[in-house]
Protein backbone atom coordinates (compact mmCIF):
# COMPACT_ATOMS: atom_id res chain seq x y z
CA MET A 1 0.00 0.00 0.00
CA PRO A 2 1.45 3.41 -0.92
CA LYS A 3 2.24 6.12 1.59
CA MET A 4 -0.50 8.60 2.39
CA LYS A 5 0.18 12.18 1.41
CA THR A 6 0.18 14.93 4.02
CA ARG A 7 -1.70 18.12 3.17
CA LYS A 8 1.17 20.57 3.42
CA SER A 9 -1.05 23.66 3.59
CA ILE A 10 -2.55 22.36 6.84
CA ALA A 11 0.75 21.03 8.19
CA LYS A 12 2.26 24.53 7.97
CA ARG A 13 -0.62 26.12 9.90
CA VAL A 14 -1.35 23.57 12.65
CA LYS A 15 0.72 21.77 15.29
CA ARG A 16 -0.36 18.73 17.31
CA THR A 17 -0.39 19.07 21.11
CA ALA A 18 0.73 16.37 23.55
CA SER A 19 -2.87 15.62 24.52
CA GLY A 20 -3.90 15.13 20.89
CA GLY A 21 -5.47 18.51 20.14
CA TYR A 22 -4.38 20.97 17.47
CA LYS A 23 -3.09 24.50 18.04
CA PHE A 24 -2.79 27.29 15.51
CA THR A 25 -1.72 30.92 15.32
CA LYS A 26 -4.64 33.32 15.38
CA PRO A 27 -5.05 35.45 12.25
CA GLY A 28 -4.82 39.23 12.07
CA ARG A 29 -1.40 39.92 13.59
CA ARG A 30 0.75 40.70 10.56
CA HIS A 31 0.11 44.38 9.92
CA LEU A 32 -2.23 47.30 10.62
CA MET A 33 -1.85 46.65 14.35
CA THR A 34 -2.19 50.32 15.30
CA ASN A 35 -5.90 50.26 14.44
CA LYS A 36 -6.60 47.28 16.72
CA SER A 37 -7.44 47.56 20.39
CA GLY A 38 -5.04 46.42 23.09
CA LYS A 39 -7.48 43.72 24.18
CA ASN A 40 -7.65 42.36 20.65
CA LYS A 41 -3.85 42.30 20.31
CA ARG A 42 -3.46 40.49 23.66
CA GLN A 43 -6.00 37.85 22.67
CA LYS A 44 -4.23 37.19 19.37
CA ARG A 45 -0.89 36.55 21.13
CA ASN A 46 -2.04 33.19 22.51
CA ALA A 47 -2.36 30.13 20.32
CA GLY A 48 -5.87 29.01 19.46
CA LEU A 49 -7.12 25.44 19.90
CA LEU A 50 -9.28 23.77 17.29
CA ASP A 51 -12.62 22.44 18.44
CA ALA A 52 -13.46 18.75 18.10
CA ALA A 53 -15.53 19.20 14.93
CA HIS A 54 -12.60 20.67 13.01
CA ALA A 55 -10.03 18.39 14.64
CA GLN A 56 -11.60 15.33 12.99
CA ARG A 57 -11.07 16.83 9.53
CA ILE A 58 -7.51 17.89 10.32
CA LYS A 59 -6.69 14.43 11.62
CA LYS A 60 -7.53 12.93 8.20
CA ALA A 61 -5.45 15.56 6.40
CA LEU A 62 -2.38 14.88 8.60
CA PRO A 63 -2.00 11.10 8.64
CA TYR A 64 1.47 11.13 10.26
CA GLY A 65 0.97 13.64 13.05
């Protein structure tokens, strides 16, 4: 049976946690930060965690981790 291919676009955006979840960088932090509130900037600093519904789809796209 051939190797399964990893979806590279997802692999670059998501990392697997030790407990089996997936973390990602929140969008909206690249530029135009002066227009955003301090609260918004603080919230975007922390990594986001995918919910279970999306995690199932990501798991299929990343067969090796």
